[in-house]
Amino acid sequence: MTRLLFVPHPHTLLWLDLEGDPASLVDAILRGDWQPPAPYAALAGRLKAYWHEGLVIVSVLELNASAAPAPRQELARRQREVLKCLADGLTSRQTALRLGISERTVFHHIASLKKILGAGTRAELIHKAREQLR
């Protein structure tokens, strides 16, 4: 059984448990042989996928491939710490307690991280951060 996180839209996340091993599932997605669940079946063949720590992450390829990638901006130490807490699944309050800062400051760091990485949601923020680290 393989756990799959399907991100058909920046504001939509679907968790799926699928039969088969992660490597063959990623290959099938990249070949266009994997059929996404309804109502996202039209996205087949336009998906990118990778396998990270036992989880297959699938998202839609960018439609405007000619656009230049955003310049990579170095994150401040505190921004990296907040991002790590988000990736660990902590809430804003838990992050504030762990880092010894106010919850409002955590919200500020998350907003600036979303702007820097071009993310709309926390899940997309984590996804984009992981992509940059690859």
C-alpha atoms as a PDB file:
ATOM      1  CA  MET A   1       0.000   0.000   0.000  1.00  0.00           C
ATOM      2  CA  THR A   2       1.390   3.418  -0.975  1.00  0.00           C
ATOM      3  CA  ARG A   3       0.305   6.764   0.493  1.00  0.00           C
ATOM      4  CA  LEU A   4      -0.192   9.451  -2.176  1.00  0.00           C
ATOM      5  CA  LEU A   5      -0.727  13.182  -1.709  1.00  0.00           C
ATOM      6  CA  PHE A   6      -2.481  14.569  -4.795  1.00  0.00           C
ATOM      7  CA  VAL A   7      -2.423  18.377  -5.209  1.00  0.00           C
ATOM      8  CA  PRO A   8      -4.607  19.116  -8.267  1.00  0.00           C
ATOM      9  CA  HIS A   9      -4.982  22.779  -7.277  1.00  0.00           C
ATOM     10  CA  PRO A  10      -3.021  24.983  -4.827  1.00  0.00           C
ATOM     11  CA  HIS A  11      -6.007  24.951  -2.465  1.00  0.00           C
ATOM     12  CA  THR A  12      -6.891  21.253  -2.780  1.00  0.00           C
ATOM     13  CA  LEU A  13      -5.164  18.255  -1.198  1.00  0.00           C
ATOM     14  CA  LEU A  14      -6.292  14.648  -1.548  1.00  0.00           C
ATOM     15  CA  TRP A  15      -4.832  11.738   0.431  1.00  0.00           C
ATOM     16  CA  LEU A  16      -5.042   8.414  -1.400  1.00  0.00           C
ATOM     17  CA  ASP A  17      -3.953   4.914  -0.409  1.00  0.00           C
ATOM     18  CA  LEU A  18      -3.060   2.970  -3.561  1.00  0.00           C
ATOM     19  CA  GLU A  19      -1.855  -0.552  -4.293  1.00  0.00           C
ATOM     20  CA  GLY A  20       1.697  -1.023  -5.539  1.00  0.00           C
ATOM     21  CA  ASP A  21       5.136   0.243  -4.693  1.00  0.00           C
ATOM     22  CA  PRO A  22       5.988   3.970  -4.801  1.00  0.00           C
ATOM     23  CA  ALA A  23       8.613   3.750  -7.573  1.00  0.00           C
ATOM     24  CA  SER A  24       6.293   2.032 -10.065  1.00  0.00           C
ATOM     25  CA  LEU A  25       3.468   4.404  -9.130  1.00  0.00           C
ATOM     26  CA  VAL A  26       5.673   7.453  -9.835  1.00  0.00           C
ATOM     27  CA  ASP A  27       6.706   5.900 -13.182  1.00  0.00           C
ATOM     28  CA  ALA A  28       3.060   5.309 -14.138  1.00  0.00           C
ATOM     29  CA  ILE A  29       2.153   8.911 -13.262  1.00  0.00           C
ATOM     30  CA  LEU A  30       5.053  10.344 -15.282  1.00  0.00           C
ATOM     31  CA  ARG A  31       4.143   8.146 -18.293  1.00  0.00           C
ATOM     32  CA  GLY A  32       0.527   9.333 -18.078  1.00  0.00           C
ATOM     33  CA  ASP A  33      -0.807   5.844 -17.317  1.00  0.00           C
ATOM     34  CA  TRP A  34      -2.239   6.780 -13.908  1.00  0.00           C
ATOM     35  CA  GLN A  35      -5.822   8.062 -13.921  1.00  0.00           C
ATOM     36  CA  PRO A  36      -6.517  10.726 -11.263  1.00  0.00           C
ATOM     37  CA  PRO A  37      -9.799  10.471  -9.364  1.00  0.00           C
ATOM     38  CA  ALA A  38     -12.882  12.292 -10.624  1.00  0.00           C
ATOM     39  CA  PRO A  39     -13.308  15.218 -11.241  1.00  0.00           C
ATOM     40  CA  TYR A  40      -9.569  15.521 -12.015  1.00  0.00           C
ATOM     41  CA  ALA A  41      -9.348  12.849 -14.740  1.00  0.00           C
ATOM     42  CA  ALA A  42      -8.636  15.524 -17.391  1.00  0.00           C
ATOM     43  CA  LEU A  43      -5.297  16.223 -15.686  1.00  0.00           C
ATOM     44  CA  ALA A  44      -3.862  12.807 -16.666  1.00  0.00           C
ATOM     45  CA  GLY A  45      -0.656  13.263 -18.649  1.00  0.00           C
ATOM     46  CA  ARG A  46      -0.053  16.750 -17.183  1.00  0.00           C
ATOM     47  CA  LEU A  47       1.157  15.617 -13.784  1.00  0.00           C
ATOM     48  CA  LYS A  48       4.523  15.586 -12.088  1.00  0.00           C
ATOM     49  CA  ALA A  49       5.324  13.210  -9.283  1.00  0.00           C
ATOM     50  CA  TYR A  50       8.118  12.336  -6.943  1.00  0.00           C
ATOM     51  CA  TRP A  51       8.657  10.025  -4.040  1.00  0.00           C
ATOM     52  CA  HIS A  52       9.814  11.541  -0.747  1.00  0.00           C
ATOM     53  CA  GLU A  53      10.201   9.642   2.525  1.00  0.00           C
ATOM     54  CA  GLY A  54       7.636   6.975   1.660  1.00  0.00           C
ATOM     55  CA  LEU A  55       5.094   9.451   0.309  1.00  0.00           C
ATOM     56  CA  VAL A  56       4.292   9.977  -3.374  1.00  0.00           C
ATOM     57  CA  ILE A  57       3.515  13.645  -4.066  1.00  0.00           C
ATOM     58  CA  VAL A  58       1.641  14.453  -7.282  1.00  0.00           C
ATOM     59  CA  SER A  59       0.873  17.917  -8.665  1.00  0.00           C
ATOM     60  CA  VAL A  60      -0.001  19.547 -11.976  1.00  0.00           C
ATOM     61  CA  LEU A  61       2.749  20.719 -14.316  1.00  0.00           C
ATOM     62  CA  GLU A  62       2.972  24.488 -14.740  1.00  0.00           C
ATOM     63  CA  LEU A  63       1.024  25.559 -17.824  1.00  0.00           C
ATOM     64  CA  ASN A  64       3.282  28.537 -18.563  1.00  0.00           C
ATOM     65  CA  ALA A  65       6.621  26.767 -18.978  1.00  0.00           C
ATOM     66  CA  SER A  66       8.154  29.769 -20.754  1.00  0.00           C
ATOM     67  CA  ALA A  67       8.021  31.939 -17.647  1.00  0.00           C
ATOM     68  CA  ALA A  68      11.400  32.415 -16.016  1.00  0.00           C
ATOM     69  CA  PRO A  69      11.731  30.790 -12.609  1.00  0.00           C
ATOM     70  CA  ALA A  70      11.678  33.141  -9.672  1.00  0.00           C
ATOM     71  CA  PRO A  71      15.134  33.972  -8.376  1.00  0.00           C
ATOM     72  CA  ARG A  72      16.036  31.900  -5.367  1.00  0.00           C
ATOM     73  CA  GLN A  73      15.962  34.021  -2.232  1.00  0.00           C
ATOM     74  CA  GLU A  74      17.914  33.058   0.855  1.00  0.00           C
ATOM     75  CA  LEU A  75      15.658  32.572   3.876  1.00  0.00           C
ATOM     76  CA  ALA A  76      16.446  34.091   7.257  1.00  0.00           C
ATOM     77  CA  ARG A  77      17.300  31.720  10.117  1.00  0.00           C
ATOM     78  CA  ARG A  78      13.949  32.301  11.840  1.00  0.00           C
ATOM     79  CA  GLN A  79      12.036  31.756   8.580  1.00  0.00           C
ATOM     80  CA  ARG A  80      13.816  28.411   8.141  1.00  0.00           C
ATOM     81  CA  GLU A  81      12.931  27.468  11.732  1.00  0.00           C
ATOM     82  CA  VAL A  82       9.256  28.337  11.213  1.00  0.00           C
ATOM     83  CA  LEU A  83       9.214  26.388   7.932  1.00  0.00           C
ATOM     84  CA  LYS A  84      10.714  23.337   9.653  1.00  0.00           C
ATOM     85  CA  CYS A  85       8.053  23.528  12.370  1.00  0.00           C
ATOM     86  CA  LEU A  86       5.340  23.643   9.676  1.00  0.00           C
ATOM     87  CA  ALA A  87       6.889  20.648   7.930  1.00  0.00           C
ATOM     88  CA  ASP A  88       6.879  18.820  11.282  1.00  0.00           C
ATOM     89  CA  GLY A  89       3.106  19.418  11.456  1.00  0.00           C
ATOM     90  CA  LEU A  90       3.098  21.925  14.308  1.00  0.00           C
ATOM     91  CA  THR A  91       0.353  24.521  14.660  1.00  0.00           C
ATOM     92  CA  SER A  92       1.165  28.235  14.853  1.00  0.00           C
ATOM     93  CA  ARG A  93       0.743  28.158  18.627  1.00  0.00           C
ATOM     94  CA  GLN A  94       3.018  25.126  19.006  1.00  0.00           C
ATOM     95  CA  THR A  95       5.590  26.777  16.732  1.00  0.00           C
ATOM     96  CA  ALA A  96       5.487  29.963  18.822  1.00  0.00           C
ATOM     97  CA  LEU A  97       6.017  27.986  22.024  1.00  0.00           C
ATOM     98  CA  ARG A  98       8.870  25.951  20.550  1.00  0.00           C
ATOM     99  CA  LEU A  99      10.681  29.021  19.180  1.00  0.00           C
ATOM    100  CA  GLY A 100       9.899  31.356  22.099  1.00  0.00           C
ATOM    101  CA  ILE A 101       8.134  33.959  19.938  1.00  0.00           C
ATOM    102  CA  SER A 102       4.568  35.231  19.729  1.00  0.00           C
ATOM    103  CA  GLU A 103       1.947  33.498  17.628  1.00  0.00           C
ATOM    104  CA  ARG A 104       1.499  36.758  15.719  1.00  0.00           C
ATOM    105  CA  THR A 105       5.193  36.686  14.776  1.00  0.00           C
ATOM    106  CA  VAL A 106       4.738  33.131  13.486  1.00  0.00           C
ATOM    107  CA  PHE A 107       1.842  34.367  11.295  1.00  0.00           C
ATOM    108  CA  HIS A 108       4.103  37.142   9.998  1.00  0.00           C
ATOM    109  CA  HIS A 109       6.875  34.661   9.090  1.00  0.00           C
ATOM    110  CA  ILE A 110       4.394  32.336   7.373  1.00  0.00           C
ATOM    111  CA  ALA A 111       2.988  35.225   5.319  1.00  0.00           C
ATOM    112  CA  SER A 112       6.458  36.326   4.238  1.00  0.00           C
ATOM    113  CA  LEU A 113       7.412  32.724   3.371  1.00  0.00           C
ATOM    114  CA  LYS A 114       4.269  32.359   1.253  1.00  0.00           C
ATOM    115  CA  LYS A 115       5.188  35.539  -0.602  1.00  0.00           C
ATOM    116  CA  ILE A 116       8.828  34.514  -1.115  1.00  0.00           C
ATOM    117  CA  LEU A 117       7.974  31.006  -2.348  1.00  0.00           C
ATOM    118  CA  GLY A 118       4.790  31.966  -4.203  1.00  0.00           C
ATOM    119  CA  ALA A 119       2.522  29.729  -2.157  1.00  0.00           C
ATOM    120  CA  GLY A 120      -1.151  30.217  -1.340  1.00  0.00           C
ATOM    121  CA  THR A 121      -1.545  27.680   1.459  1.00  0.00           C
ATOM    122  CA  ARG A 122       0.630  26.162   4.167  1.00  0.00           C
ATOM    123  CA  ALA A 123       0.603  22.809   2.392  1.00  0.00           C
ATOM    124  CA  GLU A 124       1.719  24.446  -0.856  1.00  0.00           C
ATOM    125  CA  LEU A 125       4.384  26.335   1.086  1.00  0.00           C
ATOM    126  CA  ILE A 126       5.853  23.092   2.411  1.00  0.00           C
ATOM    127  CA  HIS A 127       5.622  21.486  -1.031  1.00  0.00           C
ATOM    128  CA  LYS A 128       7.428  24.390  -2.726  1.00  0.00           C
ATOM    129  CA  ALA A 129      10.102  24.484  -0.043  1.00  0.00           C
ATOM    130  CA  ARG A 130      10.787  20.776  -0.546  1.00  0.00           C
ATOM    131  CA  GLU A 131      10.972  21.283  -4.325  1.00  0.00           C
ATOM    132  CA  GLN A 132      13.603  23.971  -3.882  1.00  0.00           C
ATOM    133  CA  LEU A 133      15.663  21.677  -1.681  1.00  0.00           C
ATOM    134  CA  ARG A 134      15.762  18.958  -4.355  1.00  0.00           C
END
